[in-house]
Protein backbone atom coordinates (compact mmCIF):
# COMPACT_ATOMS: atom_id res chain seq x y z
CA UNK A 1 -58.80 17.10 -27.20
CA UNK A 2 -56.26 16.41 -29.97
CA UNK A 3 -53.93 19.05 -28.53
CA UNK A 4 -54.14 17.40 -25.10
CA UNK A 5 -53.29 14.01 -26.58
CA UNK A 6 -50.36 15.51 -28.47
CA UNK A 7 -49.11 17.14 -25.26
CA UNK A 8 -49.24 13.84 -23.38
CA UNK A 9 -47.58 11.99 -26.26
CA UNK A 10 -44.87 14.63 -26.40
CA UNK A 11 -44.20 14.33 -22.66
CA UNK A 12 -44.09 10.53 -22.89
CA UNK A 13 -41.67 10.73 -25.84
CA UNK A 14 -39.51 13.19 -23.88
CA UNK A 15 -39.51 10.90 -20.84
CA UNK A 16 -38.51 7.92 -23.00
CA UNK A 17 -35.76 9.96 -24.63
CA UNK A 18 -34.49 11.10 -21.21
CA UNK A 19 -34.62 7.54 -19.89
CA UNK A 20 -32.62 6.22 -22.85
CA UNK A 21 -30.14 9.05 -22.45
CA UNK A 22 -29.64 8.22 -18.77
CA UNK A 23 -29.27 4.50 -19.40
CA UNK A 24 -26.92 5.23 -22.30
CA UNK A 25 -24.80 7.33 -19.97
CA UNK A 26 -24.93 4.54 -17.36
CA UNK A 27 -23.70 2.09 -19.99
CA UNK A 28 -20.89 4.47 -20.89
CA UNK A 29 -19.93 4.80 -17.21
CA UNK A 30 -19.94 1.01 -16.78
CA UNK A 31 -17.74 0.69 -19.87
CA UNK A 32 -15.26 3.26 -18.59
CA UNK A 33 -15.07 1.66 -15.13
CA UNK A 34 -14.67 -1.82 -16.62
CA UNK A 35 -11.91 -0.61 -18.96
CA UNK A 36 -10.01 1.10 -16.12
CA UNK A 37 -10.22 -2.08 -14.02
CA UNK A 38 -8.90 -4.04 -17.00
CA UNK A 39 -5.94 -1.71 -17.47
CA UNK A 40 -5.05 -1.98 -13.76
CA UNK A 41 -5.22 -5.79 -13.99
CA UNK A 42 -2.88 -5.82 -16.98
CA UNK A 43 -0.41 -3.30 -15.55
CA UNK A 44 -0.39 -4.77 -12.02
CA UNK A 45 -1.45 -8.41 -12.45
CA UNK A 46 -0.72 -9.60 -8.90
CA UNK A 47 -2.65 -6.77 -7.20
CA UNK A 48 -6.13 -8.37 -7.22
CA UNK A 49 -4.90 -11.75 -5.97
CA UNK A 50 -2.79 -10.09 -3.26
CA UNK A 51 -5.75 -7.95 -2.20
CA UNK A 52 -7.87 -11.09 -1.87
CA UNK A 53 -5.19 -12.60 0.36
CA UNK A 54 -3.64 -15.07 -2.06
CA UNK A 55 -0.04 -16.03 -1.20
CA UNK A 56 2.27 -13.38 -2.76
CA UNK A 57 4.32 -16.02 -4.61
CA UNK A 58 1.18 -17.63 -6.05
CA UNK A 59 -0.19 -14.19 -6.93
CA UNK A 60 2.99 -13.39 -8.89
CA UNK A 61 3.09 -16.79 -10.62
CA UNK A 62 -0.52 -16.55 -11.77
CA UNK A 63 -0.41 -12.90 -12.79
CA UNK A 64 -0.96 -13.89 -16.39
CA UNK A 65 -4.47 -15.03 -15.43
CA UNK A 66 -5.21 -11.53 -14.14
CA UNK A 67 -3.92 -10.12 -17.40
CA UNK A 68 -6.31 -12.39 -19.33
CA UNK A 69 -9.22 -11.19 -17.21
CA UNK A 70 -8.01 -7.61 -17.61
CA UNK A 71 -8.10 -7.99 -21.39
CA UNK A 72 -11.65 -9.37 -21.08
CA UNK A 73 -12.67 -6.36 -19.01
CA UNK A 74 -11.21 -3.93 -21.54
CA UNK A 75 -12.87 -5.74 -24.44
CA UNK A 76 -16.31 -5.74 -22.84
CA UNK A 77 -15.92 -2.16 -21.60
CA UNK A 78 -14.78 -0.72 -24.92
CA UNK A 79 -17.31 -2.80 -26.86
CA UNK A 80 -20.14 -1.44 -24.74
CA UNK A 81 -18.83 2.11 -25.09
CA UNK A 82 -18.62 1.74 -28.87
CA UNK A 83 -22.15 0.34 -29.07
CA UNK A 84 -23.58 3.27 -27.12
CA UNK A 85 -21.52 5.79 -29.06
CA UNK A 86 -22.57 4.34 -32.43
CA UNK A 87 -26.22 4.09 -31.40
CA UNK A 88 -26.15 0.30 -31.67
CA UNK A 89 -28.07 -2.18 -29.56
CA UNK A 90 -26.09 -2.74 -26.37
CA UNK A 91 -27.85 -5.96 -25.38
CA UNK A 92 -25.01 -8.31 -26.30
CA UNK A 93 -22.46 -6.19 -24.43
CA UNK A 94 -24.66 -6.04 -21.33
CA UNK A 95 -25.18 -9.80 -21.54
CA UNK A 96 -21.43 -10.42 -21.87
CA UNK A 97 -20.74 -8.13 -18.92
CA UNK A 98 -23.40 -9.81 -16.76
CA UNK A 99 -22.06 -13.26 -17.66
CA UNK A 100 -18.46 -12.24 -16.87
CA UNK A 101 -19.46 -10.63 -13.57
CA UNK A 102 -21.54 -13.69 -12.63
CA UNK A 103 -18.57 -15.96 -13.34
CA UNK A 104 -16.42 -13.71 -11.13
CA UNK A 105 -18.94 -13.99 -8.28
CA UNK A 106 -18.98 -17.78 -8.55
CA UNK A 107 -15.19 -18.10 -8.82
CA UNK A 108 -14.47 -15.90 -5.81
CA UNK A 109 -17.28 -17.50 -3.79
CA UNK A 110 -15.76 -20.90 -4.53
CA UNK A 111 -12.31 -19.67 -3.48
CA UNK A 112 -13.84 -18.24 -0.31
CA UNK A 113 -15.56 -21.52 0.46
CA UNK A 114 -12.25 -23.32 -0.01
CA UNK A 115 -10.53 -20.78 2.27
CA UNK A 116 -8.17 -19.74 -0.53
CA UNK A 117 -8.91 -16.04 -0.07
CA UNK A 118 -9.52 -13.74 2.89
CA UNK A 119 -13.13 -13.36 3.93
CA UNK A 120 -13.44 -9.56 4.09
CA UNK A 121 -11.90 -8.66 0.73
CA UNK A 122 -13.62 -11.64 -0.94
CA UNK A 123 -17.05 -10.57 0.32
CA UNK A 124 -16.38 -7.02 -0.84
CA UNK A 125 -15.35 -8.31 -4.27
CA UNK A 126 -18.44 -10.53 -4.48
CA UNK A 127 -20.68 -7.58 -3.53
CA UNK A 128 -19.00 -5.35 -6.14
CA UNK A 129 -19.30 -7.99 -8.88
CA UNK A 130 -22.93 -8.76 -7.92
CA UNK A 131 -23.70 -5.04 -8.13
CA UNK A 132 -22.11 -5.13 -11.57
CA UNK A 133 -24.46 -7.96 -12.60
CA UNK A 134 -27.44 -5.96 -11.33
CA UNK A 135 -26.29 -2.84 -13.19
CA UNK A 136 -25.62 -4.80 -16.39
CA UNK A 137 -29.05 -6.45 -16.30
CA UNK A 138 -30.81 -3.18 -15.45
CA UNK A 139 -29.19 -1.34 -18.36
CA UNK A 140 -29.86 -4.30 -20.66
CA UNK A 141 -33.57 -4.36 -19.73
CA UNK A 142 -33.95 -0.67 -20.52
CA UNK A 143 -31.79 -0.60 -23.64
CA UNK A 144 -32.51 -4.00 -25.24
CA UNK A 145 -35.08 -2.75 -27.73
CA UNK A 146 -32.97 0.16 -28.83
CA UNK A 147 -32.64 0.09 -32.59
CA UNK A 148 -29.38 1.00 -34.34
CA UNK A 149 -29.17 4.76 -34.74
CA UNK A 150 -31.80 5.31 -32.04
CA UNK A 151 -30.13 7.94 -29.92
CA UNK A 152 -31.08 11.50 -29.21
CA UNK A 153 -29.10 14.05 -31.17
CA UNK A 154 -26.46 15.68 -29.00
CA UNK A 155 -26.78 12.98 -26.34
CA UNK A 156 -23.17 11.94 -26.38
CA UNK A 157 -21.33 15.04 -27.45
CA UNK A 158 -22.41 15.11 -31.10
CA UNK A 159 -24.65 17.76 -32.60
């Protein structure tokens, strides 16, 4: 009977470890994607506005806003990556990412409502940002109770 309980407990512990590994990897992937988007926004600041259909002159004149948002994306992305890598609680980074993505959804939806952006690209952007919110919240829910140093050995390339 004790052996059976130990076997079940071992399988549950393995499942929890695998789940945390997968959500840790998801957080790392989100951080990498967010950082790449941030770099693109800094290097080519008018690209996002032009893609959304903003007047090319206005897109160029407000490129500095895209660079600010790009820096935000890099900060949140690298912060989340560092938290996962160091075995720290990623809750604050997931919360920051979800808040930023929610603000993006609201801002672009408002621009769409005011006919300041093209419908198709704006809806695609809103869907992408909303998916980001869902991913951020999902990872946060599964990783929020993770204590500092609580990561499986070898999970992220260390041994």
